[in-house]
Amino acid sequence: MKVYRFLLVHRMSASCGDTKTQSVSAAVLAGGQSRRMGRDKSLLRLGGQPLIERVLDRLACLSDDLLVVTNTPEKYGWLAGRVRFVPDPVGPGKGPLAGIAGALQAARHDPVIVVATDMPFLNVELLRYLARLSMTEGADVVVPVVEPGRPETMHAVYRKRCLPAIEAALAAGQFKIITFFPHVRVREVPAEELRRFDPDLLSFWNANTPEEWEQARRLVEGGA
């Protein structure tokens, strides 16, 4: 029953619906090392397409301004014309906070949806809801919290006005994403609120290891 419910919810969430979220940019952070996988996760094929393309397909339901934050854009040459490539502003090896800064600097719209490249089951309606919260509630960051004390910072919405606090953290050598949170207005979205759109919270499932990738492949081959 749980698998059936997942397949039904996933099919619904993978469709764009009637309209795009207006004036929102969307960025994929593609600078990870993929150490546990042993190969570049973003290029692994799932459902007949590279994982990064699967992620972008969902973001395209929400935004007309798609960004891929990477210092190696040549890996994604076939995406040229569909996305804009953005380098980390402080150079490679500084982690996702630098990637978020790059996305905010380059984005045409405000707010900016930011996700990791290894999330194969993004839920379009949940992301649309998070983006709407950032605009209706005036939050600088809208971040899901699936488990108390563990914000999902790589599946969140950031406003451009976060940039000064992020840049100050980077200049101070503080690269953990939540470092700048005390200096901005953060709207946490708890699990019970997230489940209204994603009952099994599969949006936050990461394919980090070969075993997890095989599980994702089986789900997709089964019709997800």
C-alpha atoms as a PDB file:
ATOM      1  CA  MET A   1       0.000   0.000   0.000  1.00  0.00           C
ATOM      2  CA  LYS A   2       2.811   2.434   0.829  1.00  0.00           C
ATOM      3  CA  VAL A   3       4.514   1.814  -2.529  1.00  0.00           C
ATOM      4  CA  TYR A   4       1.203   2.292  -4.362  1.00  0.00           C
ATOM      5  CA  ARG A   5       0.576   5.550  -2.536  1.00  0.00           C
ATOM      6  CA  PHE A   6       4.101   6.692  -3.409  1.00  0.00           C
ATOM      7  CA  LEU A   7       3.585   5.920  -7.108  1.00  0.00           C
ATOM      8  CA  LEU A   8       0.257   7.780  -7.175  1.00  0.00           C
ATOM      9  CA  VAL A   9       1.547  10.839  -5.326  1.00  0.00           C
ATOM     10  CA  HIS A  10       4.742  10.904  -7.363  1.00  0.00           C
ATOM     11  CA  ARG A  11       2.909  10.773 -10.688  1.00  0.00           C
ATOM     12  CA  MET A  12       0.737  13.684  -9.565  1.00  0.00           C
ATOM     13  CA  SER A  13       3.695  15.713  -8.260  1.00  0.00           C
ATOM     14  CA  ALA A  14       5.780  15.148 -11.399  1.00  0.00           C
ATOM     15  CA  SER A  15       3.179  16.885 -13.582  1.00  0.00           C
ATOM     16  CA  CYS A  16       3.446  20.646 -13.988  1.00  0.00           C
ATOM     17  CA  GLY A  17      -0.172  21.466 -13.375  1.00  0.00           C
ATOM     18  CA  ASP A  18      -1.825  24.451 -15.010  1.00  0.00           C
ATOM     19  CA  THR A  19       0.553  27.307 -14.252  1.00  0.00           C
ATOM     20  CA  LYS A  20       4.109  28.118 -13.308  1.00  0.00           C
ATOM     21  CA  THR A  21       4.963  29.937 -10.110  1.00  0.00           C
ATOM     22  CA  GLN A  22       5.466  33.534 -11.193  1.00  0.00           C
ATOM     23  CA  SER A  23       8.724  35.449 -10.752  1.00  0.00           C
ATOM     24  CA  VAL A  24      10.698  32.631  -9.145  1.00  0.00           C
ATOM     25  CA  SER A  25      14.158  31.418 -10.125  1.00  0.00           C
ATOM     26  CA  ALA A  26      15.303  27.847  -9.509  1.00  0.00           C
ATOM     27  CA  ALA A  27      18.843  26.557  -9.026  1.00  0.00           C
ATOM     28  CA  VAL A  28      20.398  23.097  -8.914  1.00  0.00           C
ATOM     29  CA  LEU A  29      23.596  22.810  -6.886  1.00  0.00           C
ATOM     30  CA  ALA A  30      25.776  20.432  -8.898  1.00  0.00           C
ATOM     31  CA  GLY A  31      29.123  20.800  -7.190  1.00  0.00           C
ATOM     32  CA  GLY A  32      29.081  17.741  -4.944  1.00  0.00           C
ATOM     33  CA  GLN A  33      31.939  15.237  -4.824  1.00  0.00           C
ATOM     34  CA  SER A  34      29.758  12.066  -5.035  1.00  0.00           C
ATOM     35  CA  ARG A  35      32.270  10.250  -2.818  1.00  0.00           C
ATOM     36  CA  ARG A  36      29.844   7.665  -1.446  1.00  0.00           C
ATOM     37  CA  MET A  37      28.435   6.903  -4.893  1.00  0.00           C
ATOM     38  CA  GLY A  38      31.895   6.569  -6.436  1.00  0.00           C
ATOM     39  CA  ARG A  39      30.855   8.357  -9.641  1.00  0.00           C
ATOM     40  CA  ASP A  40      29.118  11.588 -10.610  1.00  0.00           C
ATOM     41  CA  LYS A  41      25.511  11.250  -9.430  1.00  0.00           C
ATOM     42  CA  SER A  42      24.230  14.066 -11.604  1.00  0.00           C
ATOM     43  CA  LEU A  43      25.064  12.123 -14.775  1.00  0.00           C
ATOM     44  CA  LEU A  44      23.644   8.752 -13.729  1.00  0.00           C
ATOM     45  CA  ARG A  45      20.621   7.852 -15.842  1.00  0.00           C
ATOM     46  CA  LEU A  46      17.255   7.332 -14.189  1.00  0.00           C
ATOM     47  CA  GLY A  47      14.142   6.667 -16.224  1.00  0.00           C
ATOM     48  CA  GLY A  48      16.122   7.157 -19.419  1.00  0.00           C
ATOM     49  CA  GLN A  49      17.594  10.563 -18.554  1.00  0.00           C
ATOM     50  CA  PRO A  50      20.479  11.931 -16.469  1.00  0.00           C
ATOM     51  CA  LEU A  51      19.475  12.683 -12.893  1.00  0.00           C
ATOM     52  CA  ILE A  52      20.218  16.401 -13.252  1.00  0.00           C
ATOM     53  CA  GLU A  53      17.836  16.572 -16.198  1.00  0.00           C
ATOM     54  CA  ARG A  54      15.121  14.824 -14.207  1.00  0.00           C
ATOM     55  CA  VAL A  55      15.531  17.436 -11.464  1.00  0.00           C
ATOM     56  CA  LEU A  56      15.454  20.286 -13.988  1.00  0.00           C
ATOM     57  CA  ASP A  57      12.278  18.936 -15.584  1.00  0.00           C
ATOM     58  CA  ARG A  58      10.482  19.429 -12.286  1.00  0.00           C
ATOM     59  CA  LEU A  59      11.961  22.858 -11.676  1.00  0.00           C
ATOM     60  CA  ALA A  60      10.890  23.894 -15.182  1.00  0.00           C
ATOM     61  CA  CYS A  61       7.313  23.501 -13.984  1.00  0.00           C
ATOM     62  CA  LEU A  62       7.956  26.347 -11.558  1.00  0.00           C
ATOM     63  CA  SER A  63      10.343  28.772 -13.190  1.00  0.00           C
ATOM     64  CA  ASP A  64      11.493  30.200 -16.501  1.00  0.00           C
ATOM     65  CA  ASP A  65      14.920  30.957 -15.005  1.00  0.00           C
ATOM     66  CA  LEU A  66      16.831  27.715 -14.429  1.00  0.00           C
ATOM     67  CA  LEU A  67      20.366  27.806 -13.028  1.00  0.00           C
ATOM     68  CA  VAL A  68      22.954  25.073 -12.587  1.00  0.00           C
ATOM     69  CA  VAL A  69      25.644  26.042 -10.094  1.00  0.00           C
ATOM     70  CA  THR A  70      28.841  24.287 -11.123  1.00  0.00           C
ATOM     71  CA  ASN A  71      32.497  25.009 -11.780  1.00  0.00           C
ATOM     72  CA  THR A  72      32.536  22.354 -14.524  1.00  0.00           C
ATOM     73  CA  PRO A  73      29.758  23.370 -16.949  1.00  0.00           C
ATOM     74  CA  GLU A  74      31.394  21.387 -19.749  1.00  0.00           C
ATOM     75  CA  LYS A  75      29.942  18.227 -18.168  1.00  0.00           C
ATOM     76  CA  TYR A  76      26.448  19.477 -18.974  1.00  0.00           C
ATOM     77  CA  GLY A  77      26.937  20.791 -22.489  1.00  0.00           C
ATOM     78  CA  TRP A  78      23.643  19.338 -23.758  1.00  0.00           C
ATOM     79  CA  LEU A  79      21.786  21.638 -21.322  1.00  0.00           C
ATOM     80  CA  ALA A  80      23.183  24.816 -22.889  1.00  0.00           C
ATOM     81  CA  GLY A  81      20.348  27.076 -23.955  1.00  0.00           C
ATOM     82  CA  ARG A  82      17.968  25.552 -21.441  1.00  0.00           C
ATOM     83  CA  VAL A  83      19.821  26.635 -18.284  1.00  0.00           C
ATOM     84  CA  ARG A  84      22.368  29.231 -17.241  1.00  0.00           C
ATOM     85  CA  PHE A  85      25.578  27.959 -15.672  1.00  0.00           C
ATOM     86  CA  VAL A  86      26.794  29.769 -12.566  1.00  0.00           C
ATOM     87  CA  PRO A  87      30.188  29.219 -10.883  1.00  0.00           C
ATOM     88  CA  ASP A  88      30.753  29.347  -7.137  1.00  0.00           C
ATOM     89  CA  PRO A  89      31.698  32.988  -6.453  1.00  0.00           C
ATOM     90  CA  VAL A  90      34.527  32.031  -4.079  1.00  0.00           C
ATOM     91  CA  GLY A  91      35.929  29.168  -6.152  1.00  0.00           C
ATOM     92  CA  PRO A  92      35.631  25.375  -5.863  1.00  0.00           C
ATOM     93  CA  GLY A  93      35.699  23.416  -2.634  1.00  0.00           C
ATOM     94  CA  LYS A  94      33.825  25.880  -0.418  1.00  0.00           C
ATOM     95  CA  GLY A  95      30.614  23.885  -0.170  1.00  0.00           C
ATOM     96  CA  PRO A  96      26.948  24.543  -0.903  1.00  0.00           C
ATOM     97  CA  LEU A  97      26.742  27.895   0.891  1.00  0.00           C
ATOM     98  CA  ALA A  98      28.982  29.364  -1.817  1.00  0.00           C
ATOM     99  CA  GLY A  99      26.714  27.772  -4.405  1.00  0.00           C
ATOM    100  CA  ILE A 100      23.663  29.397  -2.859  1.00  0.00           C
ATOM    101  CA  ALA A 101      25.453  32.760  -2.974  1.00  0.00           C
ATOM    102  CA  GLY A 102      26.207  32.245  -6.658  1.00  0.00           C
ATOM    103  CA  ALA A 103      22.591  31.356  -7.392  1.00  0.00           C
ATOM    104  CA  LEU A 104      21.255  34.421  -5.586  1.00  0.00           C
ATOM    105  CA  GLN A 105      23.715  36.709  -7.356  1.00  0.00           C
ATOM    106  CA  ALA A 106      22.802  35.371 -10.797  1.00  0.00           C
ATOM    107  CA  ALA A 107      19.045  34.801 -10.422  1.00  0.00           C
ATOM    108  CA  ARG A 108      16.719  36.982 -12.468  1.00  0.00           C
ATOM    109  CA  HIS A 109      13.889  36.564 -10.006  1.00  0.00           C
ATOM    110  CA  ASP A 110      13.460  36.687  -6.251  1.00  0.00           C
ATOM    111  CA  PRO A 111      12.908  34.301  -4.446  1.00  0.00           C
ATOM    112  CA  VAL A 112      15.127  31.406  -5.573  1.00  0.00           C
ATOM    113  CA  ILE A 113      14.299  27.734  -5.135  1.00  0.00           C
ATOM    114  CA  VAL A 114      17.523  25.848  -4.379  1.00  0.00           C
ATOM    115  CA  VAL A 115      17.813  22.051  -4.546  1.00  0.00           C
ATOM    116  CA  ALA A 116      20.570  19.468  -4.683  1.00  0.00           C
ATOM    117  CA  THR A 117      21.127  17.434  -7.821  1.00  0.00           C
ATOM    118  CA  ASP A 118      20.649  14.065  -6.077  1.00  0.00           C
ATOM    119  CA  MET A 119      16.929  14.357  -5.254  1.00  0.00           C
ATOM    120  CA  PRO A 120      15.098  12.210  -7.850  1.00  0.00           C
ATOM    121  CA  PHE A 121      11.594  12.594  -6.415  1.00  0.00           C
ATOM    122  CA  LEU A 122      11.045  16.325  -6.099  1.00  0.00           C
ATOM    123  CA  ASN A 123       7.419  17.293  -5.554  1.00  0.00           C
ATOM    124  CA  VAL A 124       6.379  20.213  -7.747  1.00  0.00           C
ATOM    125  CA  GLU A 125       3.415  21.238  -5.600  1.00  0.00           C
ATOM    126  CA  LEU A 126       5.498  21.229  -2.425  1.00  0.00           C
ATOM    127  CA  LEU A 127       8.162  23.415  -4.021  1.00  0.00           C
ATOM    128  CA  ARG A 128       5.445  25.750  -5.311  1.00  0.00           C
ATOM    129  CA  TYR A 129       4.058  25.997  -1.767  1.00  0.00           C
ATOM    130  CA  LEU A 130       7.480  26.812  -0.284  1.00  0.00           C
ATOM    131  CA  ALA A 131       8.024  29.549  -2.873  1.00  0.00           C
ATOM    132  CA  ARG A 132       4.585  30.985  -2.139  1.00  0.00           C
ATOM    133  CA  LEU A 133       5.328  31.064   1.588  1.00  0.00           C
ATOM    134  CA  SER A 134       8.445  33.121   0.988  1.00  0.00           C
ATOM    135  CA  MET A 135       6.364  35.749  -0.791  1.00  0.00           C
ATOM    136  CA  THR A 136       3.240  35.767   1.371  1.00  0.00           C
ATOM    137  CA  GLU A 137       4.988  35.602   4.743  1.00  0.00           C
ATOM    138  CA  GLY A 138       8.000  37.763   3.930  1.00  0.00           C
ATOM    139  CA  ALA A 139      10.545  35.177   5.038  1.00  0.00           C
ATOM    140  CA  ASP A 140      14.157  35.420   3.877  1.00  0.00           C
ATOM    141  CA  VAL A 141      14.546  31.629   4.022  1.00  0.00           C
ATOM    142  CA  VAL A 142      11.816  28.987   3.838  1.00  0.00           C
ATOM    143  CA  VAL A 143      13.298  25.671   4.893  1.00  0.00           C
ATOM    144  CA  PRO A 144      11.659  22.273   5.504  1.00  0.00           C
ATOM    145  CA  VAL A 145      12.420  20.544   8.791  1.00  0.00           C
ATOM    146  CA  VAL A 146      11.666  16.842   8.454  1.00  0.00           C
ATOM    147  CA  GLU A 147      13.372  15.989  11.733  1.00  0.00           C
ATOM    148  CA  PRO A 148      13.631  18.502  14.602  1.00  0.00           C
ATOM    149  CA  GLY A 149      16.915  20.364  14.522  1.00  0.00           C
ATOM    150  CA  ARG A 150      17.808  19.195  10.990  1.00  0.00           C
ATOM    151  CA  PRO A 151      16.721  21.776   8.389  1.00  0.00           C
ATOM    152  CA  GLU A 152      16.710  20.608   4.765  1.00  0.00           C
ATOM    153  CA  THR A 153      18.870  23.469   3.530  1.00  0.00           C
ATOM    154  CA  MET A 154      19.426  21.894   0.113  1.00  0.00           C
ATOM    155  CA  HIS A 155      15.674  21.844  -0.574  1.00  0.00           C
ATOM    156  CA  ALA A 156      14.712  25.375   0.393  1.00  0.00           C
ATOM    157  CA  VAL A 157      13.815  28.845  -0.832  1.00  0.00           C
ATOM    158  CA  TYR A 158      16.139  31.830  -0.366  1.00  0.00           C
ATOM    159  CA  ARG A 159      15.571  35.546  -0.964  1.00  0.00           C
ATOM    160  CA  LYS A 160      18.193  37.814  -2.478  1.00  0.00           C
ATOM    161  CA  ARG A 161      18.287  39.864   0.706  1.00  0.00           C
ATOM    162  CA  CYS A 162      20.107  36.923   2.329  1.00  0.00           C
ATOM    163  CA  LEU A 163      23.194  37.775   0.286  1.00  0.00           C
ATOM    164  CA  PRO A 164      24.879  40.199   2.708  1.00  0.00           C
ATOM    165  CA  ALA A 165      24.646  37.684   5.568  1.00  0.00           C
ATOM    166  CA  ILE A 166      25.841  34.827   3.343  1.00  0.00           C
ATOM    167  CA  GLU A 167      28.750  36.831   1.962  1.00  0.00           C
ATOM    168  CA  ALA A 168      29.781  37.851   5.488  1.00  0.00           C
ATOM    169  CA  ALA A 169      29.762  34.199   6.575  1.00  0.00           C
ATOM    170  CA  LEU A 170      31.858  33.150   3.566  1.00  0.00           C
ATOM    171  CA  ALA A 171      34.330  35.982   4.160  1.00  0.00           C
ATOM    172  CA  ALA A 172      34.710  34.786   7.749  1.00  0.00           C
ATOM    173  CA  GLY A 173      35.425  31.230   6.599  1.00  0.00           C
ATOM    174  CA  GLN A 174      32.081  29.937   7.901  1.00  0.00           C
ATOM    175  CA  PHE A 175      30.797  27.546   5.258  1.00  0.00           C
ATOM    176  CA  LYS A 176      27.956  25.737   7.039  1.00  0.00           C
ATOM    177  CA  ILE A 177      24.676  26.874   5.512  1.00  0.00           C
ATOM    178  CA  ILE A 178      22.837  27.564   8.767  1.00  0.00           C
ATOM    179  CA  THR A 179      25.627  29.892   9.915  1.00  0.00           C
ATOM    180  CA  PHE A 180      23.807  32.916   8.518  1.00  0.00           C
ATOM    181  CA  PHE A 181      20.305  31.925   9.685  1.00  0.00           C
ATOM    182  CA  PRO A 182      20.420  33.999  12.923  1.00  0.00           C
ATOM    183  CA  HIS A 183      20.857  37.133  10.794  1.00  0.00           C
ATOM    184  CA  VAL A 184      17.783  36.670   8.592  1.00  0.00           C
ATOM    185  CA  ARG A 185      14.122  35.774   8.964  1.00  0.00           C
ATOM    186  CA  VAL A 186      13.679  32.003   8.672  1.00  0.00           C
ATOM    187  CA  ARG A 187      10.361  30.234   8.192  1.00  0.00           C
ATOM    188  CA  GLU A 188      10.658  26.564   9.149  1.00  0.00           C
ATOM    189  CA  VAL A 189       8.139  24.184   7.598  1.00  0.00           C
ATOM    190  CA  PRO A 190       7.576  21.176   9.886  1.00  0.00           C
ATOM    191  CA  ALA A 191       6.929  17.626   8.752  1.00  0.00           C
ATOM    192  CA  GLU A 192       3.173  17.734   9.341  1.00  0.00           C
ATOM    193  CA  GLU A 193       2.886  20.740   7.032  1.00  0.00           C
ATOM    194  CA  LEU A 194       5.103  19.104   4.404  1.00  0.00           C
ATOM    195  CA  ARG A 195       3.012  15.917   4.433  1.00  0.00           C
ATOM    196  CA  ARG A 196       0.037  17.813   3.042  1.00  0.00           C
ATOM    197  CA  PHE A 197       1.874  17.721  -0.291  1.00  0.00           C
ATOM    198  CA  ASP A 198       4.282  14.805   0.134  1.00  0.00           C
ATOM    199  CA  PRO A 199       2.781  12.216   2.515  1.00  0.00           C
ATOM    200  CA  ASP A 200       5.889  10.000   2.584  1.00  0.00           C
ATOM    201  CA  LEU A 201       8.375  12.920   2.456  1.00  0.00           C
ATOM    202  CA  LEU A 202      10.129  11.356  -0.524  1.00  0.00           C
ATOM    203  CA  SER A 203      11.130  14.806  -1.764  1.00  0.00           C
ATOM    204  CA  PHE A 204      13.971  14.653   0.740  1.00  0.00           C
ATOM    205  CA  TRP A 205      15.227  11.210  -0.246  1.00  0.00           C
ATOM    206  CA  ASN A 206      18.810  11.408  -1.490  1.00  0.00           C
ATOM    207  CA  ALA A 207      20.482   8.910  -3.790  1.00  0.00           C
ATOM    208  CA  ASN A 208      23.902   8.955  -2.126  1.00  0.00           C
ATOM    209  CA  THR A 209      25.066   5.340  -2.415  1.00  0.00           C
ATOM    210  CA  PRO A 210      24.892   2.601  -5.057  1.00  0.00           C
ATOM    211  CA  GLU A 211      22.293   0.813  -2.917  1.00  0.00           C
ATOM    212  CA  GLU A 212      20.066   3.904  -2.733  1.00  0.00           C
ATOM    213  CA  TRP A 213      20.499   4.444  -6.460  1.00  0.00           C
ATOM    214  CA  GLU A 214      19.380   0.887  -7.173  1.00  0.00           C
ATOM    215  CA  GLN A 215      16.303   1.488  -5.013  1.00  0.00           C
ATOM    216  CA  ALA A 216      15.488   4.658  -6.957  1.00  0.00           C
ATOM    217  CA  ARG A 217      15.960   2.824 -10.260  1.00  0.00           C
ATOM    218  CA  ARG A 218      13.548   0.084  -9.221  1.00  0.00           C
ATOM    219  CA  LEU A 219      10.918   2.624  -8.209  1.00  0.00           C
ATOM    220  CA  VAL A 220      11.188   4.465 -11.500  1.00  0.00           C
ATOM    221  CA  GLU A 221      11.104   1.254 -13.535  1.00  0.00           C
ATOM    222  CA  GLY A 222       7.979   0.319 -11.604  1.00  0.00           C
ATOM    223  CA  GLY A 223       6.214   3.387 -12.948  1.00  0.00           C
ATOM    224  CA  ALA A 224       7.310   6.254 -10.670  1.00  0.00           C
END
